[in-house]
Amino acid sequence: MRPLLRFFTLPLVLLLLSLCVVLHPATVFSQGHDATRDQEQRSPDWALVAPHLPDLLTSSPQRLEMQGDILRARRFPANALVYFRAAIARGGDPSVLMNKMAVTEMELGENTMARLYVRGALKAQKKNAQAWNNLGAIDFLQKRYHDAIHDYKHAIKCDSQAAVYHSNLGLAYLDIKDYESARAQLIEALQLDPQVFTHHNTTGSSLHILSSSDRAALSLEMAKAYARMGNEAEMLHALETASEAGMEIQEEMVKDSVLVKFVNDPRVVTMERAAKTLRASQAAKRNVATGVVPALPPAAPVPPATAPEPR
């Protein structure tokens, strides 16, 4: 896909968007998302928004961009794209707007279009850290982890103080099983922003979806990072999350030079016991639901006859 996207230069993209406005703004802008736009406009909330929509042909690019932001925040992404495109055609900043369009396309599940727009944003401004981060998110979602690592490193090079770029790079390292690099990036992210993993953001950086095993692995690395930072409360919380995700945490803790000090901590022993009880209960419920009868335990082996000890 990347070689093909190189043919879509920024001037060509801007020309196409401008032609959309001149030729037929009401229909061309909606192309590709007609059904989604119609569904959004049938929402009861749309009636509250519709009377305040600015004119696509005469409004300033700033007002059109703001309207796109509002529509996206109100969960009307397909309609938001109309206003972002119009803002570009009216002279708005293509780097900023194409980046917003890329994230919006990701929200709509259109990663191919998202890649096209984020490439356009980078054509307009090569050092756009958010665009590099969002390209990383697209690659991550498509399981191109090495490409995602390359993209996130570019984002960090442009803005090394953004904690979320370090956390995303850490997640990408986690998926290629480079745990040492992952932990280093997680520690860096936490040092820049201790709340980085609790923020909800809309710049493509919170789009990573983790399986239970990935979530357990991430939580374990988080626990190691917190342990090295001396934050026991968060370390225990991360261990609990890993345990709840199915990890035998005490088995993993003995493999780490810092966590091994806590392996027999009563708090860890208690959470491991509780997690095992919970997993057993959930397994029993699944067996009942599927009609599976647990096998009987094997009979105890008969001890072999032993010869009398010599005297």
Protein backbone atom coordinates (compact mmCIF):
# COMPACT_ATOMS: atom_id res chain seq x y z
CA MET A 1 0.00 0.00 0.00
CA ARG A 2 2.77 2.46 0.82
CA PRO A 3 4.30 2.55 -2.72
CA LEU A 4 0.87 3.28 -4.18
CA LEU A 5 0.23 6.11 -1.75
CA ARG A 6 3.39 7.87 -2.89
CA PHE A 7 1.59 8.75 -6.13
CA PHE A 8 -0.99 10.79 -4.18
CA THR A 9 0.93 14.03 -3.79
CA LEU A 10 -0.34 16.82 -1.59
CA PRO A 11 -1.18 19.19 -4.50
CA LEU A 12 -3.23 16.43 -6.14
CA VAL A 13 -5.17 15.75 -2.94
CA LEU A 14 -5.85 19.46 -2.43
CA LEU A 15 -6.96 19.82 -6.06
CA LEU A 16 -9.41 16.94 -5.70
CA LEU A 17 -10.84 18.42 -2.50
CA SER A 18 -11.23 21.82 -4.17
CA LEU A 19 -13.03 20.25 -7.12
CA CYS A 20 -15.39 18.58 -4.66
CA VAL A 21 -16.51 22.01 -3.44
CA VAL A 22 -16.81 23.57 -6.86
CA LEU A 23 -18.53 20.68 -8.60
CA HIS A 24 -21.00 19.22 -6.13
CA PRO A 25 -20.31 19.69 -2.42
CA ALA A 26 -23.51 18.11 -1.16
CA THR A 27 -22.89 14.76 -2.81
CA VAL A 28 -19.18 14.44 -3.52
CA PHE A 29 -18.23 15.07 0.12
CA SER A 30 -20.47 12.22 1.23
CA GLN A 31 -19.05 9.69 -1.22
CA GLY A 32 -17.97 6.53 0.54
CA HIS A 33 -19.92 7.20 3.73
CA ASP A 34 -23.45 7.88 2.44
CA ALA A 35 -25.14 5.19 4.52
CA THR A 36 -23.25 6.17 7.67
CA ARG A 37 -24.07 9.86 7.19
CA ASP A 38 -27.75 9.04 6.69
CA GLN A 39 -27.78 6.87 9.79
CA GLU A 40 -26.12 9.62 11.84
CA GLN A 41 -28.68 12.16 10.62
CA ARG A 42 -31.54 9.94 11.78
CA SER A 43 -30.27 10.26 15.34
CA PRO A 44 -32.47 12.39 17.64
CA ASP A 45 -29.40 14.48 18.50
CA TRP A 46 -28.96 15.51 14.86
CA ALA A 47 -32.01 17.77 15.09
CA LEU A 48 -30.17 19.78 17.73
CA VAL A 49 -27.09 20.17 15.54
CA ALA A 50 -28.53 20.66 12.05
CA PRO A 51 -29.89 24.24 12.49
CA HIS A 52 -26.42 25.50 13.44
CA LEU A 53 -24.39 23.98 10.58
CA PRO A 54 -22.34 26.57 8.63
CA ASP A 55 -22.49 26.92 4.85
CA LEU A 56 -19.88 24.75 3.13
CA LEU A 57 -19.16 27.26 0.35
CA THR A 58 -19.04 30.56 2.19
CA SER A 59 -17.90 29.85 5.77
CA SER A 60 -14.31 30.46 6.89
CA PRO A 61 -12.00 27.44 7.13
CA GLN A 62 -11.69 28.05 10.88
CA ARG A 63 -15.45 27.79 11.36
CA LEU A 64 -15.69 24.72 9.15
CA GLU A 65 -12.88 23.02 11.08
CA MET A 66 -14.54 23.87 14.39
CA GLN A 67 -17.82 22.42 13.13
CA GLY A 68 -16.01 19.23 12.13
CA ASP A 69 -14.54 19.00 15.64
CA ILE A 70 -17.98 19.47 17.17
CA LEU A 71 -19.57 16.82 14.95
CA ARG A 72 -16.83 14.35 15.74
CA ALA A 73 -17.14 15.02 19.48
CA ARG A 74 -20.92 14.51 19.17
CA ARG A 75 -20.30 11.11 17.51
CA PHE A 76 -21.13 12.17 13.94
CA PRO A 77 -17.77 11.21 12.32
CA ALA A 78 -18.99 10.70 8.75
CA ASN A 79 -20.59 14.15 8.79
CA ALA A 80 -17.50 15.64 10.42
CA LEU A 81 -15.46 14.56 7.39
CA VAL A 82 -17.62 16.80 5.17
CA TYR A 83 -16.59 19.87 7.14
CA PHE A 84 -12.92 18.94 7.41
CA ARG A 85 -12.76 18.50 3.63
CA ALA A 86 -14.55 21.79 3.09
CA ALA A 87 -12.15 23.53 5.47
CA ILE A 88 -9.18 22.31 3.42
CA ALA A 89 -10.80 23.41 0.18
CA ARG A 90 -11.45 26.84 1.71
CA GLY A 91 -7.76 27.28 2.59
CA GLY A 92 -7.40 25.60 6.00
CA ASP A 93 -4.14 24.05 7.20
CA PRO A 94 -3.93 20.76 5.27
CA SER A 95 -1.52 19.14 7.73
CA VAL A 96 -3.81 19.69 10.72
CA LEU A 97 -7.02 18.90 8.86
CA MET A 98 -5.80 15.79 7.07
CA ASN A 99 -4.55 14.46 10.39
CA LYS A 100 -8.02 14.96 11.86
CA MET A 101 -9.55 13.28 8.82
CA ALA A 102 -7.18 10.33 9.22
CA VAL A 103 -8.28 9.78 12.83
CA THR A 104 -11.93 10.14 11.82
CA GLU A 105 -11.50 7.53 9.08
CA MET A 106 -9.90 5.21 11.64
CA GLU A 107 -12.94 5.64 13.86
CA LEU A 108 -15.06 4.63 10.87
CA GLY A 109 -12.89 1.56 10.27
CA GLU A 110 -11.46 2.89 6.99
CA ASN A 111 -7.75 2.35 7.57
CA THR A 112 -6.84 2.60 3.87
CA MET A 113 -8.34 6.08 3.62
CA ALA A 114 -6.83 6.97 7.00
CA ARG A 115 -3.39 6.05 5.68
CA LEU A 116 -3.94 8.24 2.60
CA TYR A 117 -4.89 11.25 4.70
CA VAL A 118 -2.11 10.85 7.25
CA ARG A 119 0.37 10.61 4.39
CA GLY A 120 -1.10 13.84 3.06
CA ALA A 121 -0.62 15.45 6.46
CA LEU A 122 3.03 14.39 6.45
CA LYS A 123 3.49 15.71 2.91
CA ALA A 124 2.29 19.07 4.16
CA GLN A 125 4.41 18.98 7.33
CA LYS A 126 7.05 16.30 7.64
CA LYS A 127 7.61 16.92 11.36
CA ASN A 128 3.95 16.52 12.36
CA ALA A 129 4.32 14.37 15.48
CA GLN A 130 0.61 13.56 15.73
CA ALA A 131 0.53 12.41 12.12
CA TRP A 132 3.50 10.07 12.68
CA ASN A 133 1.77 8.76 15.81
CA ASN A 134 -1.46 8.15 13.92
CA LEU A 135 0.39 6.39 11.11
CA GLY A 136 1.82 4.19 13.86
CA ALA A 137 -1.70 3.51 15.13
CA ILE A 138 -2.81 2.45 11.64
CA ASP A 139 0.18 0.13 11.26
CA PHE A 140 -0.42 -1.26 14.77
CA LEU A 141 -4.07 -2.03 13.97
CA GLN A 142 -2.97 -3.81 10.81
CA LYS A 143 -0.40 -5.82 12.84
CA ARG A 144 2.55 -4.20 11.06
CA TYR A 145 4.40 -3.82 14.33
CA HIS A 146 7.87 -3.09 12.95
CA ASP A 147 6.40 -0.31 10.78
CA ALA A 148 4.52 1.00 13.83
CA ILE A 149 7.77 1.11 15.81
CA HIS A 150 9.38 3.12 12.98
CA ASP A 151 6.43 5.55 12.97
CA TYR A 152 6.33 6.02 16.74
CA LYS A 153 10.07 6.68 16.80
CA HIS A 154 9.50 9.45 14.24
CA ALA A 155 6.75 10.90 16.45
CA ILE A 156 9.11 10.90 19.44
CA LYS A 157 11.84 12.50 17.36
CA CYS A 158 9.41 15.34 16.57
CA ASP A 159 8.10 15.60 20.14
CA SER A 160 10.02 13.66 22.78
CA GLN A 161 7.93 15.05 25.65
CA ALA A 162 4.62 13.46 24.63
CA ALA A 163 4.14 10.54 27.00
CA VAL A 164 1.56 8.83 24.80
CA TYR A 165 4.06 8.37 21.96
CA HIS A 166 6.39 6.53 24.34
CA SER A 167 3.55 4.38 25.65
CA ASN A 168 2.47 3.49 22.11
CA LEU A 169 6.04 2.58 21.19
CA GLY A 170 6.15 0.42 24.30
CA LEU A 171 2.99 -1.42 23.19
CA ALA A 172 4.46 -2.03 19.75
CA TYR A 173 7.64 -3.44 21.30
CA LEU A 174 5.46 -5.65 23.48
CA ASP A 175 3.88 -7.23 20.41
CA ILE A 176 7.25 -8.24 18.97
CA LYS A 177 8.22 -9.68 22.38
CA ASP A 178 10.96 -7.10 22.97
CA TYR A 179 10.08 -6.76 26.63
CA GLU A 180 13.18 -4.85 27.67
CA SER A 181 12.56 -2.09 25.11
CA ALA A 182 8.86 -2.09 25.95
CA ARG A 183 9.57 -1.60 29.65
CA ALA A 184 12.03 1.23 28.93
CA GLN A 185 9.39 3.10 26.92
CA LEU A 186 6.69 2.49 29.53
CA ILE A 187 8.96 3.89 32.23
CA GLU A 188 9.71 6.92 30.06
CA ALA A 189 5.98 7.46 29.47
CA LEU A 190 5.18 7.21 33.18
CA GLN A 191 7.96 9.61 34.12
CA LEU A 192 6.59 12.17 31.66
CA ASP A 193 2.96 11.63 32.69
CA PRO A 194 2.04 9.27 35.57
CA GLN A 195 -1.58 9.26 34.32
CA VAL A 196 -0.78 8.46 30.69
CA PHE A 197 -2.63 5.14 30.77
CA THR A 198 -5.81 6.62 32.21
CA HIS A 199 -6.28 9.44 29.72
CA HIS A 200 -8.93 9.24 27.01
CA ASN A 201 -7.75 10.98 23.88
CA THR A 202 -8.93 11.53 20.33
CA THR A 203 -5.68 11.68 18.38
CA GLY A 204 -5.41 8.06 17.37
CA SER A 205 -3.19 7.15 20.28
CA SER A 206 -5.73 5.15 22.28
CA LEU A 207 -6.84 2.91 19.45
CA HIS A 208 -4.84 -0.14 20.49
CA ILE A 209 -7.06 -3.10 21.30
CA LEU A 210 -5.40 -5.75 23.45
CA SER A 211 -6.28 -9.40 23.86
CA SER A 212 -6.36 -10.91 27.34
CA SER A 213 -2.85 -12.34 26.95
CA ASP A 214 -1.53 -9.02 25.62
CA ARG A 215 -3.23 -7.17 28.46
CA ALA A 216 -1.67 -9.52 30.98
CA ALA A 217 1.79 -9.10 29.42
CA LEU A 218 1.39 -5.32 29.36
CA SER A 219 0.26 -5.27 32.99
CA LEU A 220 3.24 -7.37 34.03
CA GLU A 221 5.64 -4.98 32.29
CA MET A 222 3.80 -2.07 33.93
CA ALA A 223 4.29 -3.77 37.30
CA LYS A 224 8.02 -4.08 36.62
CA ALA A 225 8.18 -0.43 35.61
CA TYR A 226 6.33 0.73 38.74
CA ALA A 227 8.50 -1.52 40.93
CA ARG A 228 11.63 0.13 39.56
CA MET A 229 10.11 3.54 40.22
CA GLY A 230 9.31 2.59 43.82
CA ASN A 231 5.54 2.93 43.34
CA GLU A 232 4.24 -0.13 45.20
CA ALA A 233 0.55 0.84 45.01
CA GLU A 234 0.55 1.00 41.22
CA MET A 235 2.78 -2.08 41.03
CA LEU A 236 0.21 -4.09 42.99
CA HIS A 237 -2.63 -2.73 40.87
CA ALA A 238 -0.80 -3.77 37.68
CA LEU A 239 -0.12 -7.23 39.12
CA GLU A 240 -3.79 -7.59 40.01
CA THR A 241 -4.78 -6.65 36.46
CA ALA A 242 -2.34 -9.22 35.05
CA SER A 243 -3.70 -11.85 37.40
CA GLU A 244 -7.30 -11.09 36.46
CA ALA A 245 -6.34 -11.39 32.79
CA GLY A 246 -5.26 -14.98 33.42
CA MET A 247 -1.56 -14.75 34.25
CA GLU A 248 0.02 -16.83 37.01
CA ILE A 249 1.76 -13.79 38.41
CA GLN A 250 3.89 -15.48 41.08
CA GLU A 251 5.46 -17.73 38.44
CA GLU A 252 6.38 -14.64 36.40
CA MET A 253 7.50 -12.55 39.36
CA VAL A 254 10.27 -14.99 40.33
CA LYS A 255 11.85 -14.34 36.91
CA ASP A 256 12.34 -10.63 37.64
CA SER A 257 15.07 -9.34 39.93
CA VAL A 258 12.84 -6.62 41.43
CA LEU A 259 9.42 -8.29 41.53
CA VAL A 260 10.84 -11.44 43.12
CA LYS A 261 11.16 -9.46 46.36
CA PHE A 262 7.36 -9.26 46.50
CA VAL A 263 6.48 -12.79 45.43
CA ASN A 264 5.57 -13.86 48.98
CA ASP A 265 4.06 -10.53 49.98
CA PRO A 266 0.68 -11.27 51.65
CA ARG A 267 -1.02 -8.84 49.28
CA VAL A 268 0.31 -10.73 46.26
CA VAL A 269 -0.54 -14.12 47.75
CA THR A 270 -4.08 -12.95 48.49
CA MET A 271 -4.70 -11.52 45.00
CA GLU A 272 -3.30 -14.66 43.34
CA ARG A 273 -5.55 -16.87 45.46
CA ALA A 274 -8.57 -14.67 44.67
CA ALA A 275 -7.77 -14.68 40.94
CA LYS A 276 -7.46 -18.48 40.89
CA THR A 277 -10.81 -18.81 42.67
CA LEU A 278 -12.40 -16.40 40.20
CA ARG A 279 -10.96 -18.26 37.18
CA ALA A 280 -12.16 -21.60 38.58
CA SER A 281 -15.64 -20.17 39.13
CA GLN A 282 -15.76 -18.74 35.60
CA ALA A 283 -14.59 -22.06 34.14
CA ALA A 284 -17.30 -23.90 36.08
CA LYS A 285 -19.96 -21.52 34.78
CA ARG A 286 -18.73 -22.03 31.22
CA ASN A 287 -18.89 -25.80 31.69
CA VAL A 288 -22.47 -25.58 32.94
CA ALA A 289 -23.45 -23.27 30.07
CA THR A 290 -21.94 -25.59 27.45
CA GLY A 291 -23.10 -28.83 29.10
CA VAL A 292 -19.54 -30.01 29.72
CA VAL A 293 -19.22 -32.27 32.75
CA PRO A 294 -15.82 -31.99 34.44
CA ALA A 295 -13.86 -35.24 34.47
CA LEU A 296 -13.53 -37.08 37.73
CA PRO A 297 -10.13 -36.78 39.36
CA PRO A 298 -7.88 -39.80 38.77
CA ALA A 299 -7.89 -42.47 41.43
CA ALA A 300 -5.02 -42.32 43.87
CA PRO A 301 -2.27 -44.77 42.80
CA VAL A 302 -1.75 -47.88 44.93
CA PRO A 303 1.67 -47.64 46.54
CA PRO A 304 4.00 -50.47 45.50
CA ALA A 305 5.00 -53.09 48.04
CA THR A 306 8.27 -52.22 49.66
CA ALA A 307 10.92 -54.67 50.71
CA PRO A 308 11.79 -54.79 54.42
CA GLU A 309 14.78 -52.80 55.38
CA PRO A 310 17.85 -54.91 56.09
CA ARG A 311 18.85 -55.15 59.68
